[in-house]
Amino acid sequence: MKRKLLIALFSIGTIGGFASAGAHWSRHHQRHRQALEAHVARICVDAARAATERPAPPPPEARPTPPPERDHHHRHPWRRHR
């Protein structure tokens, strides 16, 4: 009888401990998500304010020239050459 009572009490304690941990993790997740949403909202508001406060830069006159074609047999300065 005493053994069955101890098993029942330990089982209830184990289940209660897991339930408590799950509730804690859930609250932590909600707080973390709220903090992330507030951070993203703050960044968006700052970007919107910055965009309205200063004028947009003028567009470039001409497109930059593309880089020259490279020969794939070029020599690397860090390799030994035979």
C-alpha atoms as a PDB file:
ATOM      1  CA  MET A   1       0.000   0.000   0.000  1.00  0.00           C
ATOM      2  CA  LYS A   2       2.768   2.413   0.944  1.00  0.00           C
ATOM      3  CA  ARG A   3       4.650   1.603  -2.279  1.00  0.00           C
ATOM      4  CA  LYS A   4       1.595   2.292  -4.472  1.00  0.00           C
ATOM      5  CA  LEU A   5       1.006   5.598  -2.691  1.00  0.00           C
ATOM      6  CA  LEU A   6       4.617   6.675  -3.296  1.00  0.00           C
ATOM      7  CA  ILE A   7       4.401   5.688  -6.976  1.00  0.00           C
ATOM      8  CA  ALA A   8       1.167   7.679  -7.334  1.00  0.00           C
ATOM      9  CA  LEU A   9       2.645  10.755  -5.624  1.00  0.00           C
ATOM     10  CA  PHE A  10       5.854  10.644  -7.692  1.00  0.00           C
ATOM     11  CA  SER A  11       3.814  10.216 -10.873  1.00  0.00           C
ATOM     12  CA  ILE A  12       1.622  13.208 -10.020  1.00  0.00           C
ATOM     13  CA  GLY A  13       4.718  15.250  -9.170  1.00  0.00           C
ATOM     14  CA  THR A  14       6.412  14.307 -12.442  1.00  0.00           C
ATOM     15  CA  ILE A  15       3.366  15.189 -14.526  1.00  0.00           C
ATOM     16  CA  GLY A  16       2.936  18.442 -12.585  1.00  0.00           C
ATOM     17  CA  GLY A  17       6.609  19.307 -13.134  1.00  0.00           C
ATOM     18  CA  PHE A  18       6.372  18.766 -16.876  1.00  0.00           C
ATOM     19  CA  ALA A  19       3.162  20.812 -17.030  1.00  0.00           C
ATOM     20  CA  SER A  20       4.813  23.653 -15.122  1.00  0.00           C
ATOM     21  CA  ALA A  21       7.834  23.604 -17.440  1.00  0.00           C
ATOM     22  CA  GLY A  22       5.591  23.603 -20.511  1.00  0.00           C
ATOM     23  CA  ALA A  23       3.661  26.599 -19.198  1.00  0.00           C
ATOM     24  CA  HIS A  24       6.924  28.441 -18.508  1.00  0.00           C
ATOM     25  CA  TRP A  25       8.225  27.739 -22.022  1.00  0.00           C
ATOM     26  CA  SER A  26       4.942  28.929 -23.492  1.00  0.00           C
ATOM     27  CA  ARG A  27       5.073  32.223 -21.566  1.00  0.00           C
ATOM     28  CA  HIS A  28       8.726  32.700 -22.515  1.00  0.00           C
ATOM     29  CA  HIS A  29       7.889  32.102 -26.181  1.00  0.00           C
ATOM     30  CA  GLN A  30       5.071  34.659 -26.052  1.00  0.00           C
ATOM     31  CA  ARG A  31       7.310  37.284 -24.428  1.00  0.00           C
ATOM     32  CA  HIS A  32      10.074  36.618 -26.942  1.00  0.00           C
ATOM     33  CA  ARG A  33       7.645  36.909 -29.849  1.00  0.00           C
ATOM     34  CA  GLN A  34       6.171  40.153 -28.501  1.00  0.00           C
ATOM     35  CA  ALA A  35       9.672  41.598 -28.088  1.00  0.00           C
ATOM     36  CA  LEU A  36      10.577  40.607 -31.649  1.00  0.00           C
ATOM     37  CA  GLU A  37       7.375  42.154 -33.040  1.00  0.00           C
ATOM     38  CA  ALA A  38       8.040  45.378 -31.114  1.00  0.00           C
ATOM     39  CA  HIS A  39      11.617  45.461 -32.427  1.00  0.00           C
ATOM     40  CA  VAL A  40      10.506  44.986 -36.045  1.00  0.00           C
ATOM     41  CA  ALA A  41       7.793  47.630 -35.653  1.00  0.00           C
ATOM     42  CA  ARG A  42      10.342  50.071 -34.195  1.00  0.00           C
ATOM     43  CA  ILE A  43      12.701  49.479 -37.134  1.00  0.00           C
ATOM     44  CA  CYS A  44       9.879  49.990 -39.654  1.00  0.00           C
ATOM     45  CA  VAL A  45       8.753  53.233 -38.006  1.00  0.00           C
ATOM     46  CA  ASP A  46      12.326  54.542 -37.898  1.00  0.00           C
ATOM     47  CA  ALA A  47      12.808  53.690 -41.579  1.00  0.00           C
ATOM     48  CA  ALA A  48       9.544  55.386 -42.544  1.00  0.00           C
ATOM     49  CA  ARG A  49      10.472  58.524 -40.600  1.00  0.00           C
ATOM     50  CA  ALA A  50      13.935  58.617 -42.131  1.00  0.00           C
ATOM     51  CA  ALA A  51      12.485  58.239 -45.634  1.00  0.00           C
ATOM     52  CA  THR A  52      10.126  61.190 -45.174  1.00  0.00           C
ATOM     53  CA  GLU A  53      12.672  63.467 -43.476  1.00  0.00           C
ATOM     54  CA  ARG A  54      15.358  63.478 -46.159  1.00  0.00           C
ATOM     55  CA  PRO A  55      14.899  63.663 -49.916  1.00  0.00           C
ATOM     56  CA  ALA A  56      15.681  60.710 -52.131  1.00  0.00           C
ATOM     57  CA  PRO A  57      19.070  60.797 -53.846  1.00  0.00           C
ATOM     58  CA  PRO A  58      19.056  61.651 -57.557  1.00  0.00           C
ATOM     59  CA  PRO A  59      19.239  58.704 -59.955  1.00  0.00           C
ATOM     60  CA  PRO A  60      22.655  57.934 -61.432  1.00  0.00           C
ATOM     61  CA  GLU A  61      23.381  59.458 -64.821  1.00  0.00           C
ATOM     62  CA  ALA A  62      24.812  56.336 -66.414  1.00  0.00           C
ATOM     63  CA  ARG A  63      25.073  52.708 -65.486  1.00  0.00           C
ATOM     64  CA  PRO A  64      28.442  51.607 -64.165  1.00  0.00           C
ATOM     65  CA  THR A  65      30.592  49.729 -66.621  1.00  0.00           C
ATOM     66  CA  PRO A  66      30.654  45.965 -66.145  1.00  0.00           C
ATOM     67  CA  PRO A  67      33.896  44.426 -64.920  1.00  0.00           C
ATOM     68  CA  PRO A  68      36.269  43.221 -67.634  1.00  0.00           C
ATOM     69  CA  GLU A  69      36.162  39.586 -68.648  1.00  0.00           C
ATOM     70  CA  ARG A  70      38.723  37.532 -66.772  1.00  0.00           C
ATOM     71  CA  ASP A  71      40.854  34.809 -68.214  1.00  0.00           C
ATOM     72  CA  HIS A  72      40.384  31.727 -66.033  1.00  0.00           C
ATOM     73  CA  HIS A  73      44.039  30.805 -66.549  1.00  0.00           C
ATOM     74  CA  HIS A  74      45.320  33.844 -64.696  1.00  0.00           C
ATOM     75  CA  ARG A  75      48.093  33.465 -62.162  1.00  0.00           C
ATOM     76  CA  HIS A  76      47.373  33.696 -58.469  1.00  0.00           C
ATOM     77  CA  PRO A  77      50.001  35.522 -56.411  1.00  0.00           C
ATOM     78  CA  TRP A  78      49.735  33.040 -53.546  1.00  0.00           C
ATOM     79  CA  ARG A  79      50.315  29.923 -55.684  1.00  0.00           C
ATOM     80  CA  ARG A  80      53.659  28.593 -56.735  1.00  0.00           C
ATOM     81  CA  HIS A  81      54.223  28.685 -60.448  1.00  0.00           C
ATOM     82  CA  ARG A  82      56.062  25.862 -62.178  1.00  0.00           C
END
